[in-house]
Amino acid sequence: MNKTILPFANESESLGIGDLTIDNRTDRVSIYGSIDLTRDKGGLEHARILKAVLDKVVQALETERNLPDKIAPPDMPDEVANPFQ
């Protein structure tokens, strides 16, 4: 199993597990979508991949010496006009 990311290392890694997406950033790891961890070999593989990613995130956070209480939310893009109207 080599499907994982190096948390907080870059702004370019993304991993898909089922319909779940994990995006890597230098200040956060975003997890969105959905996944069914089915009671079969596929579900076990998905669970192992997800666990490996979360274990790496926890390990990276636990090794931070000056972890802040909270970081600012990500910048939201400015609203743009709909070009189709």
PDB file of N, CA and C in Angstrom:
ATOM      1  N   MET A   1       0.851  -1.183   0.000  1.00  0.00           N
ATOM      2  CA  MET A   1       0.000   0.000   0.000  1.00  0.00           C
ATOM      3  C   MET A   1       0.893   1.241   0.000  1.00  0.00           C
ATOM      4  N   ASN A   2       0.849   1.993  -1.074  1.00  0.00           N
ATOM      5  CA  ASN A   2       1.670   3.185  -1.174  1.00  0.00           C
ATOM      6  C   ASN A   2       0.831   4.426  -1.459  1.00  0.00           C
ATOM      7  N   LYS A   3      -0.476   4.324  -1.270  1.00  0.00           N
ATOM      8  CA  LYS A   3      -1.339   5.475  -1.490  1.00  0.00           C
ATOM      9  C   LYS A   3      -1.420   6.290  -0.215  1.00  0.00           C
ATOM     10  N   THR A   4      -0.652   7.357  -0.167  1.00  0.00           N
ATOM     11  CA  THR A   4      -0.697   8.251   0.981  1.00  0.00           C
ATOM     12  C   THR A   4      -0.116   9.598   0.566  1.00  0.00           C
ATOM     13  N   ILE A   5      -0.085  10.520   1.473  1.00  0.00           N
ATOM     14  CA  ILE A   5       0.497  11.836   1.243  1.00  0.00           C
ATOM     15  C   ILE A   5       1.460  12.133   2.378  1.00  0.00           C
ATOM     16  N   LEU A   6       2.295  13.129   2.182  1.00  0.00           N
ATOM     17  CA  LEU A   6       3.158  13.629   3.249  1.00  0.00           C
ATOM     18  C   LEU A   6       2.498  14.906   3.766  1.00  0.00           C
ATOM     19  N   PRO A   7       1.755  14.821   4.889  1.00  0.00           N
ATOM     20  CA  PRO A   7       0.941  15.947   5.342  1.00  0.00           C
ATOM     21  C   PRO A   7       1.734  17.241   5.535  1.00  0.00           C
ATOM     22  N   PHE A   8       1.133  18.325   5.090  1.00  0.00           N
ATOM     23  CA  PHE A   8       1.639  19.690   5.271  1.00  0.00           C
ATOM     24  C   PHE A   8       2.945  19.944   4.521  1.00  0.00           C
ATOM     25  N   ALA A   9       3.310  19.076   3.574  1.00  0.00           N
ATOM     26  CA  ALA A   9       4.591  19.195   2.887  1.00  0.00           C
ATOM     27  C   ALA A   9       4.531  20.058   1.631  1.00  0.00           C
ATOM     28  N   ASN A  10       3.358  20.184   1.026  1.00  0.00           N
ATOM     29  CA  ASN A  10       3.275  20.921  -0.226  1.00  0.00           C
ATOM     30  C   ASN A  10       1.834  21.327  -0.510  1.00  0.00           C
ATOM     31  N   GLU A  11       1.658  22.007  -1.600  1.00  0.00           N
ATOM     32  CA  GLU A  11       0.327  22.491  -1.993  1.00  0.00           C
ATOM     33  C   GLU A  11      -0.203  21.729  -3.208  1.00  0.00           C
ATOM     34  N   SER A  12       0.349  20.556  -3.491  1.00  0.00           N
ATOM     35  CA  SER A  12      -0.004  19.917  -4.747  1.00  0.00           C
ATOM     36  C   SER A  12      -0.511  18.484  -4.641  1.00  0.00           C
ATOM     37  N   GLU A  13      -0.318  17.820  -3.525  1.00  0.00           N
ATOM     38  CA  GLU A  13      -0.730  16.428  -3.427  1.00  0.00           C
ATOM     39  C   GLU A  13      -2.236  16.314  -3.187  1.00  0.00           C
ATOM     40  N   SER A  14      -2.823  15.346  -3.843  1.00  0.00           N
ATOM     41  CA  SER A  14      -4.236  15.032  -3.650  1.00  0.00           C
ATOM     42  C   SER A  14      -4.371  13.527  -3.774  1.00  0.00           C
ATOM     43  N   LEU A  15      -5.257  12.963  -2.980  1.00  0.00           N
ATOM     44  CA  LEU A  15      -5.456  11.525  -2.964  1.00  0.00           C
ATOM     45  C   LEU A  15      -6.940  11.235  -2.983  1.00  0.00           C
ATOM     46  N   GLY A  16      -7.352  10.304  -3.813  1.00  0.00           N
ATOM     47  CA  GLY A  16      -8.744   9.890  -3.859  1.00  0.00           C
ATOM     48  C   GLY A  16      -8.895   8.483  -3.316  1.00  0.00           C
ATOM     49  N   ILE A  17      -9.873   8.310  -2.426  1.00  0.00           N
ATOM     50  CA  ILE A  17     -10.223   6.994  -1.897  1.00  0.00           C
ATOM     51  C   ILE A  17     -11.730   6.873  -2.058  1.00  0.00           C
ATOM     52  N   GLY A  18     -12.177   6.035  -2.967  1.00  0.00           N
ATOM     53  CA  GLY A  18     -13.597   6.013  -3.273  1.00  0.00           C
ATOM     54  C   GLY A  18     -14.016   7.387  -3.762  1.00  0.00           C
ATOM     55  N   ASP A  19     -15.063   7.950  -3.183  1.00  0.00           N
ATOM     56  CA  ASP A  19     -15.494   9.310  -3.520  1.00  0.00           C
ATOM     57  C   ASP A  19     -14.980  10.336  -2.508  1.00  0.00           C
ATOM     58  N   LEU A  20     -14.000   9.941  -1.720  1.00  0.00           N
ATOM     59  CA  LEU A  20     -13.396  10.816  -0.730  1.00  0.00           C
ATOM     60  C   LEU A  20     -12.136  11.428  -1.336  1.00  0.00           C
ATOM     61  N   THR A  21     -11.951  12.712  -1.131  1.00  0.00           N
ATOM     62  CA  THR A  21     -10.761  13.400  -1.628  1.00  0.00           C
ATOM     63  C   THR A  21      -9.996  13.978  -0.456  1.00  0.00           C
ATOM     64  N   ILE A  22      -8.686  13.808  -0.479  1.00  0.00           N
ATOM     65  CA  ILE A  22      -7.807  14.363   0.542  1.00  0.00           C
ATOM     66  C   ILE A  22      -6.824  15.272  -0.177  1.00  0.00           C
ATOM     67  N   ASP A  23      -6.896  16.574   0.137  1.00  0.00           N
ATOM     68  CA  ASP A  23      -6.009  17.568  -0.466  1.00  0.00           C
ATOM     69  C   ASP A  23      -4.977  18.002   0.552  1.00  0.00           C
ATOM     70  N   ASN A  24      -3.737  18.033   0.135  1.00  0.00           N
ATOM     71  CA  ASN A  24      -2.634  18.433   0.989  1.00  0.00           C
ATOM     72  C   ASN A  24      -2.335  19.909   0.787  1.00  0.00           C
ATOM     73  N   ARG A  25      -2.115  20.607   1.874  1.00  0.00           N
ATOM     74  CA  ARG A  25      -1.701  22.012   1.851  1.00  0.00           C
ATOM     75  C   ARG A  25      -0.600  22.168   2.889  1.00  0.00           C
ATOM     76  N   THR A  26       0.066  23.287   2.910  1.00  0.00           N
ATOM     77  CA  THR A  26       1.122  23.491   3.909  1.00  0.00           C
ATOM     78  C   THR A  26       0.562  23.847   5.275  1.00  0.00           C
ATOM     79  N   ASP A  27      -0.698  24.308   5.321  1.00  0.00           N
ATOM     80  CA  ASP A  27      -1.282  24.691   6.610  1.00  0.00           C
ATOM     81  C   ASP A  27      -2.486  23.844   7.008  1.00  0.00           C
ATOM     82  N   ARG A  28      -2.907  22.913   6.154  1.00  0.00           N
ATOM     83  CA  ARG A  28      -4.072  22.080   6.461  1.00  0.00           C
ATOM     84  C   ARG A  28      -4.127  20.889   5.514  1.00  0.00           C
ATOM     85  N   VAL A  29      -4.835  19.872   5.930  1.00  0.00           N
ATOM     86  CA  VAL A  29      -5.174  18.739   5.077  1.00  0.00           C
ATOM     87  C   VAL A  29      -6.694  18.731   5.010  1.00  0.00           C
ATOM     88  N   SER A  30      -7.226  18.876   3.818  1.00  0.00           N
ATOM     89  CA  SER A  30      -8.679  18.934   3.634  1.00  0.00           C
ATOM     90  C   SER A  30      -9.194  17.575   3.189  1.00  0.00           C
ATOM     91  N   ILE A  31     -10.249  17.114   3.864  1.00  0.00           N
ATOM     92  CA  ILE A  31     -10.868  15.834   3.538  1.00  0.00           C
ATOM     93  C   ILE A  31     -12.338  16.107   3.250  1.00  0.00           C
ATOM     94  N   TYR A  32     -12.778  15.721   2.062  1.00  0.00           N
ATOM     95  CA  TYR A  32     -14.176  15.962   1.713  1.00  0.00           C
ATOM     96  C   TYR A  32     -14.686  14.866   0.772  1.00  0.00           C
ATOM     97  N   GLY A  33     -15.981  14.761   0.699  1.00  0.00           N
ATOM     98  CA  GLY A  33     -16.607  13.731  -0.112  1.00  0.00           C
ATOM     99  C   GLY A  33     -17.197  12.662   0.784  1.00  0.00           C
ATOM    100  N   SER A  34     -17.339  11.478   0.248  1.00  0.00           N
ATOM    101  CA  SER A  34     -17.892  10.388   1.044  1.00  0.00           C
ATOM    102  C   SER A  34     -17.204   9.088   0.653  1.00  0.00           C
ATOM    103  N   ILE A  35     -17.295   8.134   1.560  1.00  0.00           N
ATOM    104  CA  ILE A  35     -16.729   6.819   1.316  1.00  0.00           C
ATOM    105  C   ILE A  35     -17.550   5.797   2.082  1.00  0.00           C
ATOM    106  N   ASP A  36     -17.763   4.665   1.471  1.00  0.00           N
ATOM    107  CA  ASP A  36     -18.382   3.536   2.151  1.00  0.00           C
ATOM    108  C   ASP A  36     -17.279   2.529   2.434  1.00  0.00           C
ATOM    109  N   LEU A  37     -17.072   2.250   3.696  1.00  0.00           N
ATOM    110  CA  LEU A  37     -16.105   1.222   4.078  1.00  0.00           C
ATOM    111  C   LEU A  37     -16.884  -0.086   4.167  1.00  0.00           C
ATOM    112  N   THR A  38     -16.966  -0.755   3.047  1.00  0.00           N
ATOM    113  CA  THR A  38     -17.774  -1.965   2.929  1.00  0.00           C
ATOM    114  C   THR A  38     -17.094  -3.152   3.604  1.00  0.00           C
ATOM    115  N   ARG A  39     -17.884  -4.104   3.948  1.00  0.00           N
ATOM    116  CA  ARG A  39     -17.390  -5.289   4.657  1.00  0.00           C
ATOM    117  C   ARG A  39     -16.882  -6.317   3.643  1.00  0.00           C
ATOM    118  N   ASP A  40     -15.813  -5.907   2.939  1.00  0.00           N
ATOM    119  CA  ASP A  40     -15.193  -6.775   1.942  1.00  0.00           C
ATOM    120  C   ASP A  40     -13.739  -6.347   1.765  1.00  0.00           C
ATOM    121  N   LYS A  41     -13.037  -6.973   0.844  1.00  0.00           N
ATOM    122  CA  LYS A  41     -11.616  -6.667   0.653  1.00  0.00           C
ATOM    123  C   LYS A  41     -11.395  -5.226   0.207  1.00  0.00           C
ATOM    124  N   GLY A  42     -12.291  -4.724  -0.625  1.00  0.00           N
ATOM    125  CA  GLY A  42     -12.183  -3.329  -1.061  1.00  0.00           C
ATOM    126  C   GLY A  42     -12.358  -2.365   0.100  1.00  0.00           C
ATOM    127  N   GLY A  43     -13.324  -2.643   0.974  1.00  0.00           N
ATOM    128  CA  GLY A  43     -13.546  -1.802   2.142  1.00  0.00           C
ATOM    129  C   GLY A  43     -12.350  -1.822   3.083  1.00  0.00           C
ATOM    130  N   LEU A  44     -11.768  -2.997   3.233  1.00  0.00           N
ATOM    131  CA  LEU A  44     -10.568  -3.111   4.077  1.00  0.00           C
ATOM    132  C   LEU A  44      -9.420  -2.294   3.503  1.00  0.00           C
ATOM    133  N   GLU A  45      -9.228  -2.361   2.206  1.00  0.00           N
ATOM    134  CA  GLU A  45      -8.150  -1.594   1.563  1.00  0.00           C
ATOM    135  C   GLU A  45      -8.382  -0.090   1.729  1.00  0.00           C
ATOM    136  N   HIS A  46      -9.621   0.352   1.512  1.00  0.00           N
ATOM    137  CA  HIS A  46      -9.929   1.776   1.693  1.00  0.00           C
ATOM    138  C   HIS A  46      -9.692   2.205   3.139  1.00  0.00           C
ATOM    139  N   ALA A  47     -10.097   1.382   4.086  1.00  0.00           N
ATOM    140  CA  ALA A  47      -9.907   1.707   5.506  1.00  0.00           C
ATOM    141  C   ALA A  47      -8.421   1.804   5.840  1.00  0.00           C
ATOM    142  N   ARG A  48      -7.631   0.898   5.303  1.00  0.00           N
ATOM    143  CA  ARG A  48      -6.183   0.930   5.567  1.00  0.00           C
ATOM    144  C   ARG A  48      -5.527   2.183   4.994  1.00  0.00           C
ATOM    145  N   ILE A  49      -5.930   2.568   3.798  1.00  0.00           N
ATOM    146  CA  ILE A  49      -5.370   3.777   3.183  1.00  0.00           C
ATOM    147  C   ILE A  49      -5.758   5.003   4.000  1.00  0.00           C
ATOM    148  N   LEU A  50      -7.034   5.108   4.359  1.00  0.00           N
ATOM    149  CA  LEU A  50      -7.503   6.239   5.156  1.00  0.00           C
ATOM    150  C   LEU A  50      -6.792   6.298   6.499  1.00  0.00           C
ATOM    151  N   LYS A  51      -6.637   5.155   7.152  1.00  0.00           N
ATOM    152  CA  LYS A  51      -5.940   5.101   8.437  1.00  0.00           C
ATOM    153  C   LYS A  51      -4.483   5.535   8.295  1.00  0.00           C
ATOM    154  N   ALA A  52      -3.822   5.098   7.227  1.00  0.00           N
ATOM    155  CA  ALA A  52      -2.420   5.473   7.011  1.00  0.00           C
ATOM    156  C   ALA A  52      -2.274   6.988   6.848  1.00  0.00           C
ATOM    157  N   VAL A  53      -3.195   7.581   6.102  1.00  0.00           N
ATOM    158  CA  VAL A  53      -3.152   9.035   5.907  1.00  0.00           C
ATOM    159  C   VAL A  53      -3.382   9.746   7.235  1.00  0.00           C
ATOM    160  N   LEU A  54      -4.414   9.342   7.970  1.00  0.00           N
ATOM    161  CA  LEU A  54      -4.717  10.006   9.246  1.00  0.00           C
ATOM    162  C   LEU A  54      -3.612   9.782  10.274  1.00  0.00           C
ATOM    163  N   ASP A  55      -3.004   8.602  10.276  1.00  0.00           N
ATOM    164  CA  ASP A  55      -1.871   8.355  11.181  1.00  0.00           C
ATOM    165  C   ASP A  55      -0.730   9.315  10.877  1.00  0.00           C
ATOM    166  N   LYS A  56      -0.464   9.567   9.583  1.00  0.00           N
ATOM    167  CA  LYS A  56       0.607  10.500   9.215  1.00  0.00           C
ATOM    168  C   LYS A  56       0.260  11.934   9.608  1.00  0.00           C
ATOM    169  N   VAL A  57      -1.011  12.303   9.480  1.00  0.00           N
ATOM    170  CA  VAL A  57      -1.436  13.648   9.880  1.00  0.00           C
ATOM    171  C   VAL A  57      -1.237  13.822  11.390  1.00  0.00           C
ATOM    172  N   VAL A  58      -1.687  12.845  12.176  1.00  0.00           N
ATOM    173  CA  VAL A  58      -1.531  12.915  13.634  1.00  0.00           C
ATOM    174  C   VAL A  58      -0.053  12.974  14.004  1.00  0.00           C
ATOM    175  N   GLN A  59       0.755  12.154  13.379  1.00  0.00           N
ATOM    176  CA  GLN A  59       2.194  12.147  13.675  1.00  0.00           C
ATOM    177  C   GLN A  59       2.825  13.504  13.355  1.00  0.00           C
ATOM    178  N   ALA A  60       2.466  14.086  12.216  1.00  0.00           N
ATOM    179  CA  ALA A  60       3.016  15.394  11.839  1.00  0.00           C
ATOM    180  C   ALA A  60       2.598  16.464  12.840  1.00  0.00           C
ATOM    181  N   LEU A  61       1.340  16.440  13.282  1.00  0.00           N
ATOM    182  CA  LEU A  61       0.865  17.433  14.241  1.00  0.00           C
ATOM    183  C   LEU A  61       1.509  17.245  15.618  1.00  0.00           C
ATOM    184  N   GLU A  62       1.693  16.002  16.026  1.00  0.00           N
ATOM    185  CA  GLU A  62       2.288  15.733  17.336  1.00  0.00           C
ATOM    186  C   GLU A  62       3.761  16.136  17.408  1.00  0.00           C
ATOM    187  N   THR A  63       4.440  16.188  16.269  1.00  0.00           N
ATOM    188  CA  THR A  63       5.852  16.557  16.281  1.00  0.00           C
ATOM    189  C   THR A  63       6.071  18.070  16.163  1.00  0.00           C
ATOM    190  N   GLU A  64       5.003  18.821  15.909  1.00  0.00           N
ATOM    191  CA  GLU A  64       5.108  20.282  15.846  1.00  0.00           C
ATOM    192  C   GLU A  64       5.445  20.837  17.225  1.00  0.00           C
ATOM    193  N   ARG A  65       6.462  21.646  17.305  1.00  0.00           N
ATOM    194  CA  ARG A  65       6.861  22.220  18.597  1.00  0.00           C
ATOM    195  C   ARG A  65       5.992  23.411  18.991  1.00  0.00           C
ATOM    196  N   ASN A  66       5.622  24.235  18.045  1.00  0.00           N
ATOM    197  CA  ASN A  66       4.868  25.461  18.337  1.00  0.00           C
ATOM    198  C   ASN A  66       3.513  25.433  17.638  1.00  0.00           C
ATOM    199  N   LEU A  67       2.749  24.422  17.900  1.00  0.00           N
ATOM    200  CA  LEU A  67       1.435  24.281  17.279  1.00  0.00           C
ATOM    201  C   LEU A  67       0.506  25.368  17.839  1.00  0.00           C
ATOM    202  N   PRO A  68      -0.055  26.219  16.960  1.00  0.00           N
ATOM    203  CA  PRO A  68      -0.946  27.271  17.453  1.00  0.00           C
ATOM    204  C   PRO A  68      -2.272  26.684  17.930  1.00  0.00           C
ATOM    205  N   ASP A  69      -2.999  27.468  18.714  1.00  0.00           N
ATOM    206  CA  ASP A  69      -4.321  27.038  19.165  1.00  0.00           C
ATOM    207  C   ASP A  69      -5.279  26.902  17.982  1.00  0.00           C
ATOM    208  N   LYS A  70      -5.147  27.812  17.001  1.00  0.00           N
ATOM    209  CA  LYS A  70      -6.030  27.805  15.845  1.00  0.00           C
ATOM    210  C   LYS A  70      -5.384  28.612  14.731  1.00  0.00           C
ATOM    211  N   ILE A  71      -5.614  28.199  13.486  1.00  0.00           N
ATOM    212  CA  ILE A  71      -5.131  28.992  12.356  1.00  0.00           C
ATOM    213  C   ILE A  71      -6.321  29.658  11.689  1.00  0.00           C
ATOM    214  N   ALA A  72      -6.035  30.662  10.885  1.00  0.00           N
ATOM    215  CA  ALA A  72      -7.089  31.384  10.170  1.00  0.00           C
ATOM    216  C   ALA A  72      -7.713  30.478   9.118  1.00  0.00           C
ATOM    217  N   PRO A  73      -9.001  30.658   8.856  1.00  0.00           N
ATOM    218  CA  PRO A  73      -9.632  29.860   7.802  1.00  0.00           C
ATOM    219  C   PRO A  73      -9.012  30.191   6.450  1.00  0.00           C
ATOM    220  N   PRO A  74      -9.135  29.300   5.485  1.00  0.00           N
ATOM    221  CA  PRO A  74      -8.544  29.576   4.174  1.00  0.00           C
ATOM    222  C   PRO A  74      -9.226  30.754   3.505  1.00  0.00           C
ATOM    223  N   ASP A  75      -8.471  31.469   2.681  1.00  0.00           N
ATOM    224  CA  ASP A  75      -9.038  32.581   1.924  1.00  0.00           C
ATOM    225  C   ASP A  75     -10.053  32.040   0.938  1.00  0.00           C
ATOM    226  N   MET A  76     -11.205  32.666   0.920  1.00  0.00           N
ATOM    227  CA  MET A  76     -12.239  32.276  -0.031  1.00  0.00           C
ATOM    228  C   MET A  76     -12.071  33.139  -1.282  1.00  0.00           C
ATOM    229  N   PRO A  77     -12.244  32.544  -2.459  1.00  0.00           N
ATOM    230  CA  PRO A  77     -12.098  33.338  -3.681  1.00  0.00           C
ATOM    231  C   PRO A  77     -13.190  34.395  -3.766  1.00  0.00           C
ATOM    232  N   ASP A  78     -12.852  35.506  -4.396  1.00  0.00           N
ATOM    233  CA  ASP A  78     -13.845  36.560  -4.610  1.00  0.00           C
ATOM    234  C   ASP A  78     -14.919  36.040  -5.558  1.00  0.00           C
ATOM    235  N   GLU A  79     -16.144  36.492  -5.347  1.00  0.00           N
ATOM    236  CA  GLU A  79     -17.241  36.091  -6.213  1.00  0.00           C
ATOM    237  C   GLU A  79     -17.061  36.759  -7.568  1.00  0.00           C
ATOM    238  N   VAL A  80     -17.239  35.994  -8.609  1.00  0.00           N
ATOM    239  CA  VAL A  80     -17.106  36.552  -9.964  1.00  0.00           C
ATOM    240  C   VAL A  80     -18.449  36.482 -10.656  1.00  0.00           C
ATOM    241  N   ALA A  81     -18.641  37.361 -11.622  1.00  0.00           N
ATOM    242  CA  ALA A  81     -19.892  37.408 -12.360  1.00  0.00           C
ATOM    243  C   ALA A  81     -20.023  36.156 -13.230  1.00  0.00           C
ATOM    244  N   ASN A  82     -21.244  35.687 -13.366  1.00  0.00           N
ATOM    245  CA  ASN A  82     -21.520  34.523 -14.198  1.00  0.00           C
ATOM    246  C   ASN A  82     -21.394  34.932 -15.656  1.00  0.00           C
ATOM    247  N   PRO A  83     -20.451  34.337 -16.406  1.00  0.00           N
ATOM    248  CA  PRO A  83     -20.262  34.753 -17.804  1.00  0.00           C
ATOM    249  C   PRO A  83     -21.370  34.248 -18.724  1.00  0.00           C
ATOM    250  N   PHE A  84     -22.271  33.406 -18.242  1.00  0.00           N
ATOM    251  CA  PHE A  84     -23.322  32.839 -19.075  1.00  0.00           C
ATOM    252  C   PHE A  84     -24.656  33.572 -18.918  1.00  0.00           C
ATOM    253  N   GLN A  85     -24.672  34.675 -18.194  1.00  0.00           N
ATOM    254  CA  GLN A  85     -25.911  35.444 -18.037  1.00  0.00           C
ATOM    255  C   GLN A  85     -25.867  36.674 -18.861  1.00  0.00           C
TER     256      GLN A  85
END
